[in-house]
Amino acid sequence: MEFAKTPHINILDDAGFGKTVLMPGDPLRAKFIAENYLENPVLVNNVRGVNGFTGSYKGVKVSVMASGMGMPSMGIYSYELYKFFDVQNIIRIGSAGSISKDCGLRDIIAGTGACTNSSFGRQYGLDGNISAVCSYDLLSITERIAKDKNFPLKTGPLYSSDTFYDDTRSSLEWAKMGCLGVEMEAAALYMTALRLGKRALAICTVSDLCYEPFDSLDADERQNSFTQMMELALESAAEYEALPHLETKE
C-alpha cells in the first residue's frame, strides 16, 4: 500500500511498518531494541528525532518506535500508526512505579486496563466513563509466554497519570481500586485502540516502589529487567502471527 505522510511520521524506507509495533517511551530504547533484537533493522522514521525501526524477529516483520512521554504524545503516535500506516497491534513497553505491595522491583505488569486522571477520553463525547482495556488476544499470549519463561509477570490494572511529580501522592489511592502500577501512557493507547478497532497492550517493568520502604533500580538493574520485558513483547508479537487474524473496523 502507499503510506501517508503525517506531521509526525514520514516513512524513510520501503520496509514501512510491521503489523505490530513495540513502543517504548524513549527513542534510545527503541534504537537499542532494533540493534540488539531485530534482524536487518532499518530506520523508517526520524521526524523530531523519534526513532522508528523495522526488521524481523523469528521471521516475523516487527517495528519499534518511541511514543515519547505522556498521554498526548502516545495519543498522537498510536493514532497515526493505526489510522494511516496499517498497524494492527501496539505493545507499549515501559516502566512503572509499583503502588501495590503485591508488585516488587523487577516485576513486569501486563495492564488489563488503565484507570486515569486524564481528560483524554472526553474527546469521544460519551455520556459516561470509558473502560480502557487491553486486547485479550495479546494479553493471553503474553501471559502464557511469561509462564513458560518463568518471567515475573503480574496481571492487573494500571493507573495512567498526567502528573509525574505529584505533591498529593494520590497514585497510592488507586491501589485501593486494584491498580498495580502507575505510568503515563497506557490509557491513551487503550482508548485509541478501542476507538479504531485495533489491539493494544501495555507491559511495564517496575522500576520504583512508590510505597515505604521506597526503592528504585539503578542503571544496570534497569537494563537487565527491561531486557526481559523486551523479550516478552517480541515473543508475543511473533506468536501473534499464528493467531487467526480478526477483521478490524475502518
Protein backbone atom coordinates (compact mmCIF):
# COMPACT_ATOMS: atom_id res chain seq x y z
CA MET A 1 0.00 0.00 0.00
CA GLU A 2 1.03 3.63 -0.37
CA PHE A 3 1.80 5.11 3.02
CA ALA A 4 0.60 8.52 4.08
CA LYS A 5 2.83 11.24 5.41
CA THR A 6 1.74 12.79 8.69
CA PRO A 7 3.13 15.72 10.69
CA HIS A 8 4.88 13.22 12.99
CA ILE A 9 5.69 10.19 10.82
CA ASN A 10 7.41 10.18 7.44
CA ILE A 11 8.40 6.78 6.06
CA LEU A 12 12.10 6.72 5.15
CA ASP A 13 12.32 3.16 3.80
CA ASP A 14 10.17 0.81 1.71
CA ALA A 15 10.03 -1.56 4.69
CA GLY A 16 7.31 0.61 6.22
CA PHE A 17 5.84 -0.63 9.50
CA GLY A 18 5.02 -4.16 10.58
CA LYS A 19 1.53 -5.11 11.73
CA THR A 20 2.87 -4.98 15.30
CA VAL A 21 4.80 -2.03 16.73
CA LEU A 22 6.59 -2.08 20.08
CA MET A 23 6.52 1.35 21.71
CA PRO A 24 8.93 2.34 24.48
CA GLY A 25 8.78 5.94 25.60
CA ASP A 26 12.48 6.56 24.95
CA PRO A 27 13.80 6.88 21.36
CA LEU A 28 17.16 5.49 22.51
CA ARG A 29 15.47 2.39 23.90
CA ALA A 30 13.80 1.89 20.52
CA LYS A 31 17.25 2.05 18.94
CA PHE A 32 18.62 -0.45 21.49
CA ILE A 33 15.84 -2.96 20.73
CA ALA A 34 16.33 -2.62 16.98
CA GLU A 35 20.09 -3.09 17.17
CA ASN A 36 20.05 -5.96 19.66
CA TYR A 37 16.94 -7.96 18.79
CA LEU A 38 15.78 -7.30 15.23
CA GLU A 39 17.34 -8.85 12.14
CA ASN A 40 18.25 -6.37 9.40
CA PRO A 41 16.67 -3.33 11.08
CA VAL A 42 16.21 -0.20 9.02
CA LEU A 43 15.32 3.32 10.12
CA VAL A 44 11.79 4.06 8.92
CA ASN A 45 11.03 7.28 10.81
CA ASN A 46 13.05 10.03 12.46
CA VAL A 47 10.71 13.03 12.48
CA ARG A 48 11.51 15.13 15.59
CA GLY A 49 14.15 12.57 16.49
CA VAL A 50 11.56 9.90 17.30
CA ASN A 51 13.36 6.81 16.07
CA GLY A 52 11.29 4.13 14.36
CA PHE A 53 12.81 0.90 13.03
CA THR A 54 11.51 -2.12 11.16
CA GLY A 55 13.18 -5.52 10.99
CA SER A 56 12.28 -9.12 11.67
CA TYR A 57 12.11 -11.26 14.79
CA LYS A 58 11.94 -15.04 14.31
CA GLY A 59 10.91 -14.44 10.73
CA VAL A 60 8.12 -12.00 11.58
CA LYS A 61 8.17 -8.37 10.47
CA VAL A 62 8.16 -6.21 13.61
CA SER A 63 8.64 -2.48 14.18
CA VAL A 64 9.72 -0.50 17.21
CA MET A 65 9.18 3.24 17.64
CA ALA A 66 9.19 5.61 20.59
CA SER A 67 5.98 7.16 21.90
CA GLY A 68 7.51 9.98 23.92
CA MET A 69 6.23 10.72 27.42
CA GLY A 70 2.64 11.22 28.45
CA MET A 71 -0.80 10.57 27.03
CA PRO A 72 -0.91 13.42 24.48
CA SER A 73 2.26 12.08 22.84
CA MET A 74 1.13 8.45 22.95
CA GLY A 75 -2.26 9.51 21.60
CA ILE A 76 -0.70 11.18 18.57
CA TYR A 77 1.69 8.40 17.61
CA SER A 78 -0.67 5.50 18.25
CA TYR A 79 -3.49 7.18 16.31
CA GLU A 80 -1.30 7.86 13.29
CA LEU A 81 0.20 4.36 13.27
CA TYR A 82 -3.22 2.72 13.49
CA LYS A 83 -5.05 5.09 11.16
CA PHE A 84 -2.55 5.82 8.39
CA PHE A 85 0.11 3.09 8.42
CA ASP A 86 -1.95 -0.12 8.66
CA VAL A 87 -0.62 -1.06 12.10
CA GLN A 88 -2.91 -3.53 13.88
CA ASN A 89 -1.18 -4.06 17.23
CA ILE A 90 0.80 -1.78 19.54
CA ILE A 91 2.60 -3.13 22.60
CA ARG A 92 3.79 -0.45 24.99
CA ILE A 93 6.99 -1.43 26.79
CA GLY A 94 7.87 0.99 29.55
CA SER A 95 8.48 1.46 33.23
CA ALA A 96 6.05 1.84 36.10
CA GLY A 97 6.11 2.69 39.75
CA SER A 98 4.56 0.00 41.92
CA ILE A 99 1.64 1.21 44.01
CA SER A 100 0.67 -2.30 45.13
CA LYS A 101 2.69 -4.24 47.65
CA ASP A 102 1.99 -7.31 45.50
CA CYS A 103 4.45 -5.94 42.92
CA GLY A 104 8.12 -5.57 43.68
CA LEU A 105 11.14 -4.27 41.82
CA ARG A 106 11.79 -6.02 38.50
CA ASP A 107 8.27 -7.47 38.34
CA ILE A 108 6.58 -6.99 34.98
CA ILE A 109 3.00 -5.73 34.87
CA ALA A 110 0.65 -6.51 31.98
CA GLY A 111 -2.12 -3.93 32.16
CA THR A 112 -5.58 -5.47 31.81
CA GLY A 113 -6.97 -1.97 31.90
CA ALA A 114 -5.90 1.59 32.61
CA CYS A 115 -7.58 3.90 35.10
CA THR A 116 -6.63 7.54 34.62
CA ASN A 117 -6.91 11.10 35.90
CA SER A 118 -6.63 12.38 32.33
CA SER A 119 -9.33 14.12 30.30
CA PHE A 120 -8.15 12.22 27.19
CA GLY A 121 -11.44 10.33 26.86
CA ARG A 122 -13.61 13.44 26.74
CA GLN A 123 -12.87 13.81 23.04
CA TYR A 124 -15.27 10.93 22.32
CA GLY A 125 -18.32 12.80 23.67
CA LEU A 126 -19.63 9.83 25.64
CA ASP A 127 -22.11 10.27 28.49
CA GLY A 128 -20.15 8.08 30.91
CA ASN A 129 -16.69 6.70 31.57
CA ILE A 130 -14.68 4.63 29.11
CA SER A 131 -13.38 1.28 30.33
CA ALA A 132 -9.91 1.47 28.82
CA VAL A 133 -8.95 -2.17 28.40
CA CYS A 134 -6.25 -4.12 26.55
CA SER A 135 -6.56 -6.71 23.80
CA TYR A 136 -7.35 -10.12 25.27
CA ASP A 137 -5.58 -11.82 22.35
CA LEU A 138 -2.30 -10.05 23.10
CA LEU A 139 -2.70 -10.43 26.86
CA SER A 140 -3.36 -14.18 26.78
CA ILE A 141 -0.31 -14.82 24.59
CA THR A 142 1.88 -12.66 26.82
CA GLU A 143 0.73 -14.42 29.99
CA ARG A 144 1.49 -17.85 28.56
CA ILE A 145 4.93 -16.86 27.27
CA ALA A 146 5.81 -15.31 30.64
CA LYS A 147 4.78 -18.51 32.40
CA ASP A 148 6.86 -20.66 30.01
CA LYS A 149 9.91 -18.44 30.55
CA ASN A 150 9.34 -18.06 34.28
CA PHE A 151 9.25 -14.26 33.95
CA PRO A 152 7.85 -12.36 36.97
CA LEU A 153 4.63 -11.18 35.29
CA LYS A 154 1.74 -9.72 37.28
CA THR A 155 -1.56 -9.04 35.54
CA GLY A 156 -3.94 -6.29 36.59
CA PRO A 157 -4.99 -2.67 36.05
CA LEU A 158 -2.54 0.19 35.62
CA TYR A 159 -3.08 3.79 36.65
CA SER A 160 -2.17 6.27 33.91
CA SER A 161 -1.40 9.66 35.40
CA ASP A 162 -0.94 13.06 33.78
CA THR A 163 1.46 14.02 36.57
CA PHE A 164 4.90 12.58 37.30
CA TYR A 165 5.73 14.78 40.30
CA ASP A 166 2.56 14.53 42.40
CA ASP A 167 2.55 16.56 45.62
CA THR A 168 -0.52 14.72 46.91
CA ARG A 169 0.83 11.19 46.22
CA SER A 170 -2.71 10.43 45.01
CA SER A 171 -1.49 7.46 42.96
CA LEU A 172 -1.40 5.37 46.13
CA GLU A 173 -5.17 5.77 46.46
CA TRP A 174 -5.58 3.91 43.17
CA ALA A 175 -4.03 0.82 44.73
CA LYS A 176 -7.26 0.57 46.75
CA MET A 177 -9.06 0.12 43.42
CA GLY A 178 -6.80 -2.76 42.44
CA CYS A 179 -4.26 -0.87 40.33
CA LEU A 180 -0.79 -2.40 40.42
CA GLY A 181 1.40 0.35 38.99
CA VAL A 182 1.42 3.98 37.89
CA GLU A 183 2.67 5.09 34.48
CA MET A 184 1.76 7.78 31.95
CA GLU A 185 0.69 6.32 28.57
CA ALA A 186 -1.45 3.17 28.70
CA ALA A 187 -4.89 4.77 28.99
CA ALA A 188 -4.41 6.87 25.84
CA LEU A 189 -3.12 3.84 23.94
CA TYR A 190 -6.03 1.65 25.03
CA MET A 191 -8.68 4.28 24.24
CA THR A 192 -7.19 4.93 20.81
CA ALA A 193 -7.08 1.22 20.01
CA LEU A 194 -10.69 0.75 21.14
CA ARG A 195 -11.90 3.69 19.06
CA LEU A 196 -10.16 2.47 15.91
CA GLY A 197 -10.90 -1.23 16.37
CA LYS A 198 -7.25 -2.19 16.83
CA ARG A 199 -5.32 -4.09 19.53
CA ALA A 200 -3.11 -2.79 22.33
CA LEU A 201 -1.27 -4.00 25.40
CA ALA A 202 0.95 -2.21 27.92
CA ILE A 203 3.76 -4.18 29.54
CA CYS A 204 5.71 -2.28 32.19
CA THR A 205 8.69 -3.18 34.34
CA VAL A 206 8.54 -1.99 37.94
CA SER A 207 11.48 0.37 38.32
CA ASP A 208 10.39 2.16 41.50
CA LEU A 209 8.44 1.45 44.67
CA CYS A 210 6.00 4.28 45.46
CA TYR A 211 5.30 3.00 48.97
CA GLU A 212 7.55 2.58 52.00
CA PRO A 213 10.28 1.41 52.03
CA PHE A 214 10.86 3.47 48.88
CA ASP A 215 13.32 1.91 46.46
CA SER A 216 14.36 2.06 42.82
CA LEU A 217 16.54 0.21 40.34
CA ASP A 218 19.95 1.54 39.41
CA ALA A 219 21.03 1.85 35.78
CA ASP A 220 22.41 -1.69 35.42
CA GLU A 221 19.42 -3.31 37.11
CA ARG A 222 17.00 -1.37 34.93
CA GLN A 223 18.82 -2.60 31.84
CA ASN A 224 18.56 -6.25 32.89
CA SER A 225 14.92 -6.02 33.92
CA PHE A 226 13.91 -4.12 30.80
CA THR A 227 15.61 -6.77 28.66
CA GLN A 228 13.19 -9.39 29.99
CA MET A 229 10.28 -7.13 29.13
CA MET A 230 11.63 -6.52 25.63
CA GLU A 231 11.96 -10.25 25.00
CA LEU A 232 8.45 -10.88 26.30
CA ALA A 233 6.96 -8.26 23.98
CA LEU A 234 8.91 -9.52 20.96
CA GLU A 235 7.92 -13.13 21.60
CA SER A 236 4.29 -12.05 21.94
CA ALA A 237 4.46 -10.09 18.69
CA ALA A 238 5.94 -13.06 16.82
CA GLU A 239 3.47 -15.57 18.22
CA TYR A 240 0.51 -13.33 17.47
CA GLU A 241 1.08 -14.03 13.77
CA ALA A 242 -0.06 -17.62 14.38
CA LEU A 243 -3.48 -16.46 15.59
CA PRO A 244 -6.48 -16.21 13.25
CA HIS A 245 -6.49 -12.54 12.29
CA LEU A 246 -9.75 -10.87 13.16
CA GLU A 247 -11.09 -8.17 10.88
CA THR A 248 -10.79 -4.63 12.19
CA LYS A 249 -13.22 -1.83 11.52
CA GLU A 250 -12.31 1.20 9.48
